[in-house]
Amino acid sequence: MENPNPENQLNIELSEEVAEGIYSNLAIITHSPSEFVIDFIKIMPGVPKARVKSRILLTPQHAKRLMMALSENIMKYEQLHGKIKEAEMNALPLNFGGPKAQA
């Protein structure tokens, strides 16, 4: 189906470097009145130090849209592949000096 209004199309470019992606197994989320900050981290077993691999800053409105999009996509995923099993959360000493974060 052709878009009847081609001037409203958005062309999104994806470089090879970004297309490779960054693996993350921990996300730290903090916020202020004007923004949400999501730090994506890769932690390795037995390694006491981890580095933020990517930081994404969002307006509160975009953070809510992301939450709704993730929720919708998880629902679709589970309809196709079955319920995602939640792993037990290990207590991590994550005191980075900012507001208490949730992952």
N, C-alpha and C. Protein backbone atom coordinates (compact mmCIF):
# COMPACT_ATOMS: atom_id res chain seq x y z
N MET A 1 0.85 -1.19 0.00
CA MET A 1 0.00 0.00 0.00
C MET A 1 0.89 1.24 0.00
N GLU A 2 0.66 2.12 -0.93
CA GLU A 2 1.47 3.34 -1.02
C GLU A 2 1.01 4.36 0.02
N ASN A 3 1.98 5.12 0.51
CA ASN A 3 1.66 6.18 1.45
C ASN A 3 1.03 7.33 0.67
N PRO A 4 -0.22 7.70 0.97
CA PRO A 4 -0.88 8.77 0.22
C PRO A 4 -0.26 10.14 0.49
N ASN A 5 0.56 10.25 1.50
CA ASN A 5 1.15 11.53 1.88
C ASN A 5 2.66 11.38 2.03
N PRO A 6 3.42 11.25 0.91
CA PRO A 6 4.86 10.95 1.00
C PRO A 6 5.67 12.01 1.74
N GLU A 7 5.20 13.25 1.82
CA GLU A 7 5.97 14.27 2.53
C GLU A 7 5.99 14.02 4.03
N ASN A 8 5.12 13.14 4.54
CA ASN A 8 5.11 12.81 5.96
C ASN A 8 5.97 11.59 6.29
N GLN A 9 6.71 11.07 5.31
CA GLN A 9 7.58 9.92 5.55
C GLN A 9 8.86 10.37 6.22
N LEU A 10 9.39 9.50 7.05
CA LEU A 10 10.66 9.76 7.73
C LEU A 10 11.65 8.70 7.29
N ASN A 11 12.75 9.12 6.70
CA ASN A 11 13.80 8.20 6.31
C ASN A 11 14.78 8.09 7.47
N ILE A 12 14.97 6.86 7.95
CA ILE A 12 15.87 6.62 9.08
C ILE A 12 17.10 5.90 8.57
N GLU A 13 18.26 6.45 8.89
CA GLU A 13 19.52 5.87 8.46
C GLU A 13 20.14 5.09 9.61
N LEU A 14 20.69 3.92 9.31
CA LEU A 14 21.32 3.07 10.31
C LEU A 14 22.73 2.72 9.84
N SER A 15 23.73 3.28 10.52
CA SER A 15 25.12 3.01 10.13
C SER A 15 25.48 1.57 10.49
N GLU A 16 26.53 1.05 9.86
CA GLU A 16 26.98 -0.32 10.14
C GLU A 16 27.38 -0.47 11.60
N GLU A 17 28.07 0.53 12.13
CA GLU A 17 28.53 0.47 13.52
C GLU A 17 27.35 0.38 14.49
N VAL A 18 26.34 1.20 14.29
CA VAL A 18 25.17 1.18 15.17
C VAL A 18 24.37 -0.10 14.95
N ALA A 19 24.31 -0.58 13.72
CA ALA A 19 23.55 -1.80 13.40
C ALA A 19 24.11 -3.02 14.12
N GLU A 20 25.39 -3.01 14.46
CA GLU A 20 25.99 -4.12 15.20
C GLU A 20 25.37 -4.27 16.58
N GLY A 21 24.91 -3.18 17.15
CA GLY A 21 24.28 -3.23 18.47
C GLY A 21 25.29 -3.31 19.59
N ILE A 22 24.80 -3.13 20.80
CA ILE A 22 25.60 -3.22 22.01
C ILE A 22 24.86 -4.13 22.97
N TYR A 23 25.53 -5.17 23.47
CA TYR A 23 24.91 -6.09 24.41
C TYR A 23 24.84 -5.45 25.78
N SER A 24 23.70 -5.61 26.43
CA SER A 24 23.51 -5.10 27.78
C SER A 24 22.70 -6.12 28.57
N ASN A 25 23.12 -6.36 29.82
CA ASN A 25 22.34 -7.24 30.69
C ASN A 25 21.95 -6.54 31.99
N LEU A 26 22.07 -5.22 31.99
CA LEU A 26 21.63 -4.42 33.12
C LEU A 26 21.30 -3.02 32.63
N ALA A 27 20.20 -2.49 33.11
CA ALA A 27 19.83 -1.11 32.80
C ALA A 27 19.57 -0.38 34.11
N ILE A 28 20.18 0.78 34.24
CA ILE A 28 19.97 1.64 35.40
C ILE A 28 19.16 2.84 34.91
N ILE A 29 18.04 3.09 35.56
CA ILE A 29 17.15 4.17 35.13
C ILE A 29 17.07 5.21 36.24
N THR A 30 17.38 6.46 35.88
CA THR A 30 17.23 7.58 36.82
C THR A 30 16.42 8.66 36.10
N HIS A 31 15.95 9.61 36.86
CA HIS A 31 15.15 10.68 36.24
C HIS A 31 15.21 11.96 37.04
N SER A 32 14.92 13.02 36.34
CA SER A 32 14.77 14.35 36.93
C SER A 32 13.40 14.85 36.48
N PRO A 33 13.00 16.04 36.87
CA PRO A 33 11.70 16.53 36.40
C PRO A 33 11.61 16.67 34.88
N SER A 34 12.76 16.81 34.20
CA SER A 34 12.72 17.08 32.77
C SER A 34 13.21 15.94 31.88
N GLU A 35 13.82 14.89 32.46
CA GLU A 35 14.36 13.83 31.60
C GLU A 35 14.49 12.51 32.33
N PHE A 36 14.49 11.44 31.55
CA PHE A 36 14.81 10.10 32.02
C PHE A 36 16.17 9.74 31.42
N VAL A 37 17.01 9.09 32.21
CA VAL A 37 18.31 8.65 31.76
C VAL A 37 18.36 7.13 31.92
N ILE A 38 18.64 6.43 30.82
CA ILE A 38 18.78 4.98 30.88
C ILE A 38 20.22 4.64 30.52
N ASP A 39 20.93 4.05 31.48
CA ASP A 39 22.30 3.60 31.25
C ASP A 39 22.25 2.09 31.01
N PHE A 40 22.79 1.66 29.87
CA PHE A 40 22.86 0.24 29.52
C PHE A 40 24.27 -0.25 29.83
N ILE A 41 24.34 -1.32 30.61
CA ILE A 41 25.60 -1.81 31.16
C ILE A 41 25.74 -3.30 30.84
N LYS A 42 26.98 -3.73 30.63
CA LYS A 42 27.26 -5.16 30.49
C LYS A 42 28.08 -5.57 31.70
N ILE A 43 27.50 -6.46 32.54
CA ILE A 43 28.25 -6.97 33.68
C ILE A 43 28.67 -8.40 33.36
N MET A 44 29.87 -8.75 33.82
CA MET A 44 30.41 -10.09 33.57
C MET A 44 30.60 -10.80 34.90
N PRO A 45 30.28 -12.09 34.96
CA PRO A 45 30.45 -12.84 36.21
C PRO A 45 31.91 -12.78 36.68
N GLY A 46 32.08 -12.54 37.96
CA GLY A 46 33.42 -12.54 38.54
C GLY A 46 34.22 -11.27 38.29
N VAL A 47 33.68 -10.32 37.56
CA VAL A 47 34.37 -9.06 37.29
C VAL A 47 33.70 -7.98 38.13
N PRO A 48 34.44 -7.41 39.10
CA PRO A 48 33.81 -6.46 40.02
C PRO A 48 33.52 -5.08 39.42
N LYS A 49 33.99 -4.82 38.22
CA LYS A 49 33.79 -3.51 37.61
C LYS A 49 33.01 -3.66 36.31
N ALA A 50 32.07 -2.76 36.10
CA ALA A 50 31.29 -2.77 34.85
C ALA A 50 31.26 -1.36 34.30
N ARG A 51 31.11 -1.26 33.01
CA ARG A 51 31.13 0.03 32.34
C ARG A 51 29.81 0.29 31.64
N VAL A 52 29.36 1.54 31.69
CA VAL A 52 28.18 1.93 30.92
C VAL A 52 28.55 1.85 29.45
N LYS A 53 27.78 1.08 28.68
CA LYS A 53 28.06 0.90 27.27
C LYS A 53 27.31 1.92 26.41
N SER A 54 26.16 2.38 26.92
CA SER A 54 25.37 3.35 26.18
C SER A 54 24.46 4.09 27.16
N ARG A 55 24.26 5.36 26.92
CA ARG A 55 23.35 6.18 27.75
C ARG A 55 22.34 6.83 26.81
N ILE A 56 21.07 6.66 27.15
CA ILE A 56 19.98 7.24 26.37
C ILE A 56 19.23 8.23 27.26
N LEU A 57 19.04 9.45 26.76
CA LEU A 57 18.28 10.47 27.48
C LEU A 57 16.95 10.67 26.76
N LEU A 58 15.88 10.70 27.54
CA LEU A 58 14.53 10.81 26.98
C LEU A 58 13.73 11.85 27.75
N THR A 59 12.81 12.51 27.06
CA THR A 59 11.84 13.35 27.77
C THR A 59 10.89 12.41 28.50
N PRO A 60 10.20 12.87 29.54
CA PRO A 60 9.22 12.01 30.21
C PRO A 60 8.17 11.45 29.23
N GLN A 61 7.76 12.26 28.26
CA GLN A 61 6.77 11.81 27.29
C GLN A 61 7.31 10.66 26.43
N HIS A 62 8.56 10.78 25.99
CA HIS A 62 9.16 9.71 25.18
C HIS A 62 9.45 8.47 26.02
N ALA A 63 9.79 8.66 27.30
CA ALA A 63 10.01 7.51 28.18
C ALA A 63 8.70 6.71 28.32
N LYS A 64 7.60 7.42 28.46
CA LYS A 64 6.30 6.73 28.58
C LYS A 64 5.94 6.02 27.27
N ARG A 65 6.21 6.66 26.14
CA ARG A 65 5.95 6.02 24.85
C ARG A 65 6.81 4.78 24.67
N LEU A 66 8.07 4.84 25.13
CA LEU A 66 8.95 3.68 25.06
C LEU A 66 8.40 2.55 25.93
N MET A 67 7.95 2.88 27.14
CA MET A 67 7.38 1.87 28.04
C MET A 67 6.17 1.20 27.39
N MET A 68 5.30 1.98 26.78
CA MET A 68 4.11 1.41 26.14
C MET A 68 4.49 0.54 24.94
N ALA A 69 5.48 0.99 24.16
CA ALA A 69 5.92 0.21 22.99
C ALA A 69 6.58 -1.10 23.44
N LEU A 70 7.39 -1.06 24.50
CA LEU A 70 8.00 -2.28 25.02
C LEU A 70 6.94 -3.24 25.53
N SER A 71 5.97 -2.71 26.26
CA SER A 71 4.89 -3.54 26.80
C SER A 71 4.12 -4.23 25.68
N GLU A 72 3.78 -3.48 24.65
CA GLU A 72 3.05 -4.03 23.51
C GLU A 72 3.88 -5.11 22.80
N ASN A 73 5.17 -4.86 22.62
CA ASN A 73 6.02 -5.82 21.92
C ASN A 73 6.28 -7.07 22.76
N ILE A 74 6.39 -6.93 24.07
CA ILE A 74 6.55 -8.10 24.94
C ILE A 74 5.29 -8.95 24.87
N MET A 75 4.12 -8.32 24.87
CA MET A 75 2.86 -9.06 24.76
C MET A 75 2.82 -9.84 23.45
N LYS A 76 3.19 -9.19 22.34
CA LYS A 76 3.20 -9.86 21.04
C LYS A 76 4.21 -11.01 21.02
N TYR A 77 5.39 -10.79 21.59
CA TYR A 77 6.42 -11.82 21.66
C TYR A 77 5.90 -13.04 22.42
N GLU A 78 5.28 -12.79 23.59
CA GLU A 78 4.78 -13.90 24.41
C GLU A 78 3.64 -14.64 23.74
N GLN A 79 2.84 -13.96 22.94
CA GLN A 79 1.78 -14.64 22.20
C GLN A 79 2.37 -15.61 21.18
N LEU A 80 3.49 -15.25 20.59
CA LEU A 80 4.14 -16.11 19.59
C LEU A 80 5.04 -17.17 20.20
N HIS A 81 5.78 -16.82 21.25
CA HIS A 81 6.85 -17.69 21.75
C HIS A 81 6.63 -18.21 23.16
N GLY A 82 5.56 -17.82 23.80
CA GLY A 82 5.32 -18.25 25.18
C GLY A 82 5.83 -17.22 26.17
N LYS A 83 5.40 -17.40 27.41
CA LYS A 83 5.73 -16.45 28.47
C LYS A 83 7.24 -16.40 28.70
N ILE A 84 7.75 -15.20 28.86
CA ILE A 84 9.16 -14.99 29.17
C ILE A 84 9.34 -15.28 30.66
N LYS A 85 10.27 -16.18 30.97
CA LYS A 85 10.53 -16.51 32.37
C LYS A 85 11.45 -15.45 32.96
N GLU A 86 11.06 -14.95 34.12
CA GLU A 86 11.88 -13.93 34.78
C GLU A 86 12.94 -14.61 35.63
N ALA A 87 14.18 -14.21 35.44
CA ALA A 87 15.28 -14.74 36.24
C ALA A 87 15.23 -14.11 37.62
N GLU A 88 15.74 -14.85 38.60
CA GLU A 88 15.82 -14.29 39.94
C GLU A 88 16.81 -13.15 39.95
N MET A 89 16.44 -12.07 40.59
CA MET A 89 17.32 -10.91 40.68
C MET A 89 18.31 -11.13 41.81
N ASN A 90 19.60 -11.10 41.48
CA ASN A 90 20.63 -11.17 42.51
C ASN A 90 20.82 -9.77 43.08
N ALA A 91 21.06 -9.71 44.36
CA ALA A 91 21.31 -8.41 44.98
C ALA A 91 22.67 -7.90 44.52
N LEU A 92 22.70 -6.77 43.85
CA LEU A 92 23.94 -6.17 43.38
C LEU A 92 24.23 -4.92 44.19
N PRO A 93 25.46 -4.69 44.59
CA PRO A 93 25.79 -3.45 45.30
C PRO A 93 25.85 -2.29 44.31
N LEU A 94 24.70 -1.71 44.01
CA LEU A 94 24.63 -0.67 42.99
C LEU A 94 24.34 0.68 43.62
N ASN A 95 25.28 1.22 44.31
CA ASN A 95 25.10 2.54 44.88
C ASN A 95 26.02 3.49 44.12
N PHE A 96 25.45 4.18 43.13
CA PHE A 96 26.25 5.05 42.29
C PHE A 96 26.15 6.51 42.72
N GLY A 97 25.60 6.78 43.89
CA GLY A 97 25.58 8.12 44.41
C GLY A 97 24.42 8.96 43.93
N GLY A 98 23.56 8.43 43.08
CA GLY A 98 22.40 9.18 42.58
C GLY A 98 21.14 8.69 43.24
N PRO A 99 20.00 9.08 42.69
CA PRO A 99 18.74 8.60 43.24
C PRO A 99 18.66 7.09 43.09
N LYS A 100 17.89 6.46 43.97
CA LYS A 100 17.74 5.01 43.90
C LYS A 100 17.16 4.63 42.53
N ALA A 101 17.84 3.73 41.85
CA ALA A 101 17.45 3.34 40.50
C ALA A 101 16.75 2.00 40.51
N GLN A 102 15.99 1.74 39.46
CA GLN A 102 15.34 0.46 39.27
C GLN A 102 15.70 -0.07 37.92
N ALA A 103 15.88 -1.36 37.84
CA ALA A 103 16.20 -1.98 36.56
C ALA A 103 15.17 -3.03 36.22
